[in-house]
Amino acid sequence: MKTKAAVLYEAGKPFEIEELEVVKPDDNELLVRYDYSGLCHSDLHMVKGHLPFRAPMVFGHEGSGEVLEVGPKVTGLKPGDHFVASFFPVCGRCRWCVTGNSRLCDMGANGLDGFLPGGRFPLRGKQGDYGAMMTLGTFSQYGTVHENSIVKVDPELPLDKAALVGCGVPTGWGSAVNSAAVRPGDTVVIYGIGGIGINAVQGAAYAGAQHLIAVDPQPFKRENAKVFGATHTVGSAAEAQELVTQLTDGVGADSAIITVDELTAEVVDEAVAVISKGGTVVVTSMGQFETDTIKTSGVQLALWGKRIQGSLYGGCNPRHDIPKLLSLYRTGHVKLDELITNTYSLEQVNQGYDDLMAHKNIRGVIIHEH
């Protein structure tokens, strides 16, 4: 099958729209039609060269659509099923899956190389094999994926909203609810209110934070933070420090969640300074892979019992948390409609990322045409 897709040949270059060939699904694979794809900041880390990847690659890892064809050994999915793509496959059998940490599944280790869990590449073009980001490549009209990367959802759910729970929503929401373990009455500071940070705001609000401070230099982002539950907004870490001191009588915040565009040592230091004794700093942001971005005093961590916690996918597990978040959306406890700022055609993918870097979007969504 032919597909139109956004391909990256080299970090720092724009995406190129090309026609590629989708390989036929093997035993445990599916042919899917992608209807919607979120423009997630994680793609930019690879585009900018912060994370290594094998080129050429079709990008996109946040998507939804319909199953078109299933391999002979696929179970639990059939043509016509609606789905949300998980940006890493979940085998259900490795050490990480059986201990409730399926976001660390060994099956997802090849996501930056772009080949399927069986070892072959899902797309072919003028340069031979083409990879798919996180084994998905949702910046394509069609794709062949492993069944362990697909979560079936109710056909009544709007797929443009459902696409967002493949990555951005659980990563942010879970950073607050799971990784920071926000509890009723807590004081929480969130640095960076983009597609991940805004969901950390609504996760912390849902968990019962009393004082919820959103930190972002962009007025547009601060205004949106209020819609999602922030009690206070400030433009800088210095303002956040002063406000937290006032609100807590000098005790400090219970947790600080870092969701800025690019992780730096400076923002980690600011987060460590704002939390109280026994507080937690959650690091969700990414930056240059080789750069040391945590250079704080280990003695302070020991003396005051502070903790720095990494957070992949917000500590969520896709087969459990994707349906849960969609259920919370249905009952009005999780906002999805309000996340989508602008929509784009596939040919406008570069414009979409320009808008993201210009802080014009909370979340942009590609609408695939078929």
Protein backbone atom coordinates (compact mmCIF):
# COMPACT_ATOMS: atom_id res chain seq x y z
CA MET A 1 0.00 0.00 0.00
CA LYS A 2 1.17 3.52 -0.80
CA THR A 3 1.17 6.22 1.84
CA LYS A 4 2.01 9.90 2.05
CA ALA A 5 4.33 10.62 4.96
CA ALA A 6 6.56 13.28 6.57
CA VAL A 7 10.17 12.07 6.45
CA LEU A 8 13.26 13.44 8.19
CA TYR A 9 16.60 12.70 6.57
CA GLU A 10 18.82 14.69 8.92
CA ALA A 11 18.55 16.50 12.25
CA GLY A 12 18.07 20.22 11.78
CA LYS A 13 16.41 19.85 8.37
CA PRO A 14 12.70 20.30 7.61
CA PHE A 15 10.36 17.37 7.06
CA GLU A 16 9.88 16.25 3.47
CA ILE A 17 6.51 14.94 2.27
CA GLU A 18 6.96 11.77 0.23
CA GLU A 19 5.09 8.76 -1.05
CA LEU A 20 6.32 5.53 0.55
CA GLU A 21 5.37 1.88 0.45
CA VAL A 22 3.90 0.31 3.60
CA VAL A 23 5.05 -3.28 4.16
CA LYS A 24 2.39 -5.95 4.48
CA PRO A 25 1.64 -6.88 8.11
CA ASP A 26 3.32 -10.01 9.46
CA ASP A 27 1.90 -12.53 11.98
CA ASN A 28 1.46 -10.14 14.95
CA GLU A 29 1.18 -6.90 13.03
CA LEU A 30 -1.61 -4.65 11.81
CA LEU A 31 -2.16 -2.36 8.87
CA VAL A 32 -3.71 0.81 10.25
CA ARG A 33 -5.07 4.07 8.93
CA TYR A 34 -3.99 7.10 10.93
CA ASP A 35 -6.70 9.76 11.07
CA TYR A 36 -5.09 12.18 13.53
CA SER A 37 -1.61 12.81 14.89
CA GLY A 38 -0.54 15.14 17.66
CA LEU A 39 2.44 17.46 17.15
CA CYS A 40 4.37 16.57 20.29
CA HIS A 41 7.49 18.36 21.48
CA SER A 42 9.30 15.04 21.88
CA ASP A 43 9.66 14.86 18.09
CA LEU A 44 11.52 18.17 18.23
CA HIS A 45 14.19 16.69 20.49
CA MET A 46 15.11 14.37 17.66
CA VAL A 47 14.66 17.00 14.97
CA LYS A 48 17.07 19.24 16.88
CA GLY A 49 19.56 16.42 17.40
CA HIS A 50 19.10 16.13 21.17
CA LEU A 51 18.32 12.44 20.81
CA PRO A 52 19.95 10.10 18.27
CA PHE A 53 17.83 8.43 15.59
CA ARG A 54 18.31 6.35 12.47
CA ALA A 55 17.50 8.25 9.28
CA PRO A 56 15.47 8.26 7.13
CA MET A 57 12.57 8.17 9.55
CA VAL A 58 8.86 8.96 9.47
CA PHE A 59 8.12 10.93 12.60
CA GLY A 60 5.04 11.18 14.83
CA HIS A 61 4.22 9.04 17.86
CA GLU A 62 0.84 10.33 19.05
CA GLY A 63 -1.99 9.09 16.87
CA SER A 64 -5.40 7.51 16.46
CA GLY A 65 -7.32 5.85 13.68
CA GLU A 66 -8.79 2.59 12.46
CA VAL A 67 -7.47 -0.95 12.02
CA LEU A 68 -7.65 -2.02 8.36
CA GLU A 69 -6.02 -5.47 8.32
CA VAL A 70 -4.67 -7.90 10.94
CA GLY A 71 -1.94 -10.53 10.77
CA PRO A 72 -2.88 -14.22 11.22
CA LYS A 73 -1.73 -14.39 14.85
CA VAL A 74 -3.25 -11.11 16.06
CA THR A 75 -5.74 -11.50 18.90
CA GLY A 76 -8.19 -9.00 20.38
CA LEU A 77 -8.21 -6.65 17.38
CA LYS A 78 -10.06 -6.77 14.08
CA PRO A 79 -10.59 -4.61 11.00
CA GLY A 80 -12.82 -1.66 11.80
CA ASP A 81 -11.63 -1.27 15.41
CA HIS A 82 -10.78 2.27 16.50
CA PHE A 83 -7.51 2.70 18.34
CA VAL A 84 -5.09 4.99 20.12
CA ALA A 85 -1.43 4.27 19.43
CA SER A 86 0.88 3.70 22.39
CA PHE A 87 4.25 5.31 21.69
CA PHE A 88 5.96 2.16 22.90
CA PRO A 89 4.78 -1.45 22.49
CA VAL A 90 3.84 -3.38 25.63
CA CYS A 91 4.60 -7.09 25.64
CA GLY A 92 2.96 -7.90 29.00
CA ARG A 93 5.62 -10.50 29.83
CA CYS A 94 8.97 -8.84 30.54
CA ARG A 95 10.16 -7.90 34.03
CA TRP A 96 8.92 -4.33 33.66
CA CYS A 97 5.45 -5.23 32.42
CA VAL A 98 4.76 -7.84 35.09
CA THR A 99 5.81 -5.41 37.84
CA GLY A 100 3.43 -2.69 36.66
CA ASN A 101 6.05 -0.64 34.78
CA SER A 102 5.07 -1.38 31.19
CA ARG A 103 6.26 2.06 30.07
CA LEU A 104 9.76 0.56 30.47
CA CYS A 105 8.90 -2.55 28.43
CA ASP A 106 11.93 -4.15 26.79
CA MET A 107 9.97 -4.38 23.55
CA GLY A 108 10.09 -0.58 23.15
CA ALA A 109 13.88 -0.31 23.23
CA ASN A 110 14.21 0.15 19.45
CA GLY A 111 11.93 3.19 19.12
CA LEU A 112 14.71 5.56 18.07
CA ASP A 113 15.94 3.11 15.42
CA GLY A 114 12.47 2.88 13.92
CA PHE A 115 12.18 -0.83 13.17
CA LEU A 116 9.33 -3.04 14.32
CA PRO A 117 9.74 -5.43 17.29
CA GLY A 118 10.33 -8.29 14.84
CA GLY A 119 13.36 -6.49 13.41
CA ARG A 120 12.11 -5.31 10.01
CA PHE A 121 11.33 -1.78 8.90
CA PRO A 122 7.71 -0.81 8.29
CA LEU A 123 8.22 1.47 5.27
CA ARG A 124 10.19 1.53 2.06
CA GLY A 125 11.12 4.36 -0.29
CA LYS A 126 13.78 5.76 -2.60
CA GLN A 127 16.52 5.17 -0.01
CA GLY A 128 15.45 1.66 0.91
CA ASP A 129 14.23 1.00 4.46
CA TYR A 130 12.51 3.83 6.34
CA GLY A 131 12.01 3.75 10.10
CA ALA A 132 8.95 4.83 12.06
CA MET A 133 9.43 6.91 15.19
CA MET A 134 8.71 4.82 18.29
CA THR A 135 7.71 2.03 15.83
CA LEU A 136 4.61 4.09 14.88
CA GLY A 137 5.35 6.95 12.46
CA THR A 138 1.98 8.68 12.84
CA PHE A 139 2.97 11.43 10.37
CA SER A 140 1.82 8.96 7.72
CA GLN A 141 -1.61 8.20 6.31
CA TYR A 142 -1.10 4.47 6.80
CA GLY A 143 1.29 2.27 8.74
CA THR A 144 2.16 -1.27 9.72
CA VAL A 145 2.54 -1.61 13.49
CA HIS A 146 2.84 -4.36 16.07
CA GLU A 147 -0.38 -5.32 17.85
CA ASN A 148 1.30 -4.47 21.18
CA SER A 149 1.43 -0.79 20.12
CA ILE A 150 -2.33 -0.49 19.68
CA VAL A 151 -5.00 0.15 22.34
CA LYS A 152 -8.58 -0.41 21.21
CA VAL A 153 -11.01 2.38 22.13
CA ASP A 154 -14.76 2.93 21.99
CA PRO A 155 -15.84 3.90 18.46
CA GLU A 156 -18.04 6.66 19.87
CA LEU A 157 -15.03 8.61 21.15
CA PRO A 158 -13.82 11.52 18.97
CA LEU A 159 -10.52 10.32 17.54
CA ASP A 160 -8.95 13.79 17.30
CA LYS A 161 -9.24 14.13 21.09
CA ALA A 162 -8.41 10.48 21.76
CA ALA A 163 -5.10 10.79 19.89
CA LEU A 164 -3.78 13.06 22.63
CA VAL A 165 -3.91 10.35 25.29
CA GLY A 166 -1.24 8.40 23.42
CA CYS A 167 1.52 10.59 24.87
CA GLY A 168 1.01 14.21 25.94
CA VAL A 169 -1.93 13.84 28.30
CA PRO A 170 -0.69 10.81 30.31
CA THR A 171 2.87 12.16 30.39
CA GLY A 172 1.80 15.44 31.97
CA TRP A 173 -1.15 14.21 34.01
CA GLY A 174 0.82 11.27 35.37
CA SER A 175 3.83 13.46 36.21
CA ALA A 176 1.60 15.06 38.83
CA VAL A 177 -0.64 12.18 39.88
CA ASN A 178 1.92 9.34 39.80
CA SER A 179 5.48 10.70 39.82
CA ALA A 180 4.91 13.65 42.16
CA ALA A 181 2.13 11.81 44.02
CA VAL A 182 0.23 15.08 44.54
CA ARG A 183 -2.26 14.90 47.41
CA PRO A 184 -5.11 17.15 48.56
CA GLY A 185 -3.75 20.32 50.15
CA ASP A 186 -0.35 20.19 48.43
CA THR A 187 1.55 23.13 47.02
CA VAL A 188 2.82 22.32 43.52
CA VAL A 189 4.98 24.32 41.10
CA ILE A 190 5.04 23.42 37.39
CA TYR A 191 7.77 24.88 35.17
CA GLY A 192 6.81 25.17 31.49
CA ILE A 193 3.18 25.13 30.33
CA GLY A 194 3.23 23.48 26.93
CA GLY A 195 1.47 20.32 25.85
CA ILE A 196 2.97 18.33 28.75
CA GLY A 197 2.91 21.05 31.39
CA ILE A 198 -0.74 21.92 30.82
CA ASN A 199 -1.64 18.30 31.52
CA ALA A 200 0.53 18.31 34.63
CA VAL A 201 -1.59 21.28 35.73
CA GLN A 202 -4.85 19.43 35.24
CA GLY A 203 -3.44 16.30 36.87
CA ALA A 204 -2.32 18.24 39.95
CA ALA A 205 -5.68 20.03 40.12
CA TYR A 206 -7.54 16.71 39.88
CA ALA A 207 -5.35 15.26 42.66
CA GLY A 208 -6.35 18.13 44.97
CA ALA A 209 -3.47 20.63 45.00
CA GLN A 210 -4.37 23.65 47.13
CA HIS A 211 -1.76 25.99 45.68
CA LEU A 212 -0.93 25.22 42.04
CA ILE A 213 1.60 27.61 40.51
CA ALA A 214 2.20 27.54 36.74
CA VAL A 215 5.49 29.12 35.61
CA ASP A 216 5.89 30.27 32.02
CA PRO A 217 7.15 33.49 30.40
CA GLN A 218 4.36 33.41 27.77
CA PRO A 219 1.08 35.16 28.77
CA PHE A 220 -0.84 32.83 26.42
CA LYS A 221 0.43 29.78 28.30
CA ARG A 222 -0.31 31.32 31.70
CA GLU A 223 -3.89 32.12 30.69
CA ASN A 224 -4.43 28.56 29.53
CA ALA A 225 -3.01 27.24 32.80
CA LYS A 226 -5.84 28.95 34.66
CA VAL A 227 -8.40 27.17 32.48
CA PHE A 228 -6.88 23.82 33.46
CA GLY A 229 -6.80 24.50 37.20
CA ALA A 230 -3.78 26.64 38.11
CA THR A 231 -4.49 28.81 41.16
CA HIS A 232 -1.55 31.15 40.44
CA THR A 233 0.58 31.94 37.39
CA VAL A 234 3.96 33.67 37.21
CA GLY A 235 6.43 34.45 34.48
CA SER A 236 9.68 33.35 36.13
CA ALA A 237 11.20 30.94 38.61
CA ALA A 238 12.18 33.86 40.86
CA GLU A 239 8.55 34.93 41.08
CA ALA A 240 7.53 31.37 41.82
CA GLN A 241 10.06 31.13 44.64
CA GLU A 242 8.77 34.33 46.23
CA LEU A 243 5.12 33.28 45.86
CA VAL A 244 5.71 29.81 47.33
CA THR A 245 7.51 31.36 50.30
CA GLN A 246 4.49 33.57 50.96
CA LEU A 247 1.86 30.85 50.46
CA THR A 248 3.61 28.28 52.67
CA ASP A 249 5.04 30.58 55.37
CA GLY A 250 8.53 29.71 54.21
CA VAL A 251 8.07 25.92 54.24
CA GLY A 252 8.29 25.39 50.45
CA ALA A 253 6.36 23.43 47.87
CA ASP A 254 5.56 19.75 48.26
CA SER A 255 6.57 19.10 44.68
CA ALA A 256 7.95 20.80 41.58
CA ILE A 257 7.40 19.36 38.09
CA ILE A 258 9.75 20.30 35.24
CA THR A 259 8.05 20.31 31.83
CA VAL A 260 10.00 23.09 30.07
CA ASP A 261 10.86 22.86 26.36
CA GLU A 262 14.46 21.93 27.05
CA LEU A 263 15.89 20.66 30.33
CA THR A 264 18.72 22.73 31.83
CA ALA A 265 20.76 22.57 35.01
CA GLU A 266 19.38 25.99 35.94
CA VAL A 267 15.74 24.92 36.03
CA VAL A 268 16.62 21.81 38.05
CA ASP A 269 18.39 24.00 40.62
CA GLU A 270 15.38 26.32 40.76
CA ALA A 271 13.04 23.39 41.31
CA VAL A 272 15.22 21.90 44.05
CA ALA A 273 15.29 25.29 45.78
CA VAL A 274 11.51 25.77 45.69
CA ILE A 275 10.55 22.46 47.34
CA SER A 276 10.32 21.86 51.07
CA LYS A 277 12.16 19.35 53.18
CA GLY A 278 10.98 15.95 52.03
CA GLY A 279 9.77 17.46 48.75
CA THR A 280 10.01 15.96 45.27
CA VAL A 281 11.32 17.34 41.99
CA VAL A 282 9.89 15.51 38.98
CA VAL A 283 12.00 15.67 35.80
CA THR A 284 9.79 15.10 32.76
CA SER A 285 11.55 17.42 30.30
CA MET A 286 14.28 16.23 27.97
CA GLY A 287 17.29 17.99 26.48
CA GLN A 288 20.62 17.12 24.92
CA PHE A 289 21.22 13.46 25.74
CA GLU A 290 24.91 13.80 26.66
CA THR A 291 24.57 17.02 28.70
CA ASP A 292 24.73 16.87 32.50
CA THR A 293 21.65 18.76 33.67
CA ILE A 294 21.59 17.84 37.36
CA LYS A 295 24.38 19.53 39.34
CA THR A 296 22.76 20.20 42.68
CA SER A 297 24.11 19.66 46.19
CA GLY A 298 23.85 16.03 47.21
CA VAL A 299 24.39 17.09 50.82
CA GLN A 300 21.19 19.18 50.69
CA LEU A 301 19.31 16.20 49.32
CA ALA A 302 20.58 14.04 52.16
CA LEU A 303 20.14 16.57 54.97
CA TRP A 304 16.63 17.63 53.97
CA GLY A 305 15.33 14.41 52.47
CA LYS A 306 14.62 15.93 49.07
CA ARG A 307 14.08 13.67 46.08
CA ILE A 308 14.65 14.02 42.32
CA GLN A 309 12.38 11.68 40.34
CA GLY A 310 12.60 10.96 36.62
CA SER A 311 9.27 10.51 34.87
CA LEU A 312 8.74 8.62 31.60
CA TYR A 313 5.16 8.73 30.31
CA GLY A 314 4.16 10.20 33.66
CA GLY A 315 4.57 6.83 35.35
CA CYS A 316 1.49 5.65 33.43
CA ASN A 317 0.93 2.29 31.76
CA PRO A 318 -0.84 2.52 28.37
CA ARG A 319 -3.22 -0.42 28.48
CA HIS A 320 -4.56 0.76 31.82
CA ASP A 321 -4.20 4.53 31.66
CA ILE A 322 -5.30 5.28 28.09
CA PRO A 323 -8.80 3.85 28.73
CA LYS A 324 -8.85 5.44 32.19
CA LEU A 325 -8.06 8.92 30.90
CA LEU A 326 -10.65 8.58 28.14
CA SER A 327 -13.19 7.56 30.77
CA LEU A 328 -12.29 10.62 32.83
CA TYR A 329 -12.71 12.72 29.68
CA ARG A 330 -16.22 11.36 29.20
CA THR A 331 -17.21 12.34 32.72
CA GLY A 332 -15.66 15.81 32.45
CA HIS A 333 -12.73 15.19 34.80
CA VAL A 334 -10.06 15.47 32.10
CA LYS A 335 -10.09 18.22 29.46
CA LEU A 336 -9.12 17.22 25.93
CA ASP A 337 -11.12 19.52 23.63
CA GLU A 338 -9.48 22.59 25.15
CA LEU A 339 -5.98 21.26 24.44
CA ILE A 340 -6.23 21.55 20.65
CA THR A 341 -5.15 25.04 19.59
CA ASN A 342 -4.72 24.55 15.82
CA THR A 343 -5.08 21.81 13.21
CA TYR A 344 -2.88 21.19 10.17
CA SER A 345 -2.72 19.09 7.04
CA LEU A 346 0.25 16.72 6.69
CA GLU A 347 1.80 19.15 4.21
CA GLN A 348 1.74 21.80 6.96
CA VAL A 349 3.77 19.73 9.44
CA ASN A 350 6.74 22.12 9.35
CA GLN A 351 4.42 25.07 9.96
CA GLY A 352 2.92 23.21 12.88
CA TYR A 353 6.31 22.83 14.52
CA ASP A 354 7.21 26.43 13.76
CA ASP A 355 4.03 27.43 15.60
CA LEU A 356 4.93 25.14 18.50
CA MET A 357 8.39 26.70 18.83
CA ALA A 358 6.81 30.16 18.58
CA HIS A 359 4.58 29.27 21.58
CA LYS A 360 1.38 29.60 19.57
CA ASN A 361 0.05 26.15 20.40
CA ILE A 362 -0.85 24.13 23.44
CA ARG A 363 -1.32 21.19 21.08
CA GLY A 364 -1.42 21.15 17.30
CA VAL A 365 -3.04 18.21 15.53
CA ILE A 366 -2.49 16.88 12.01
CA ILE A 367 -5.68 15.80 10.24
CA HIS A 368 -4.84 13.12 7.68
CA GLU A 369 -6.69 13.13 4.38
CA HIS A 370 -7.52 9.80 2.73
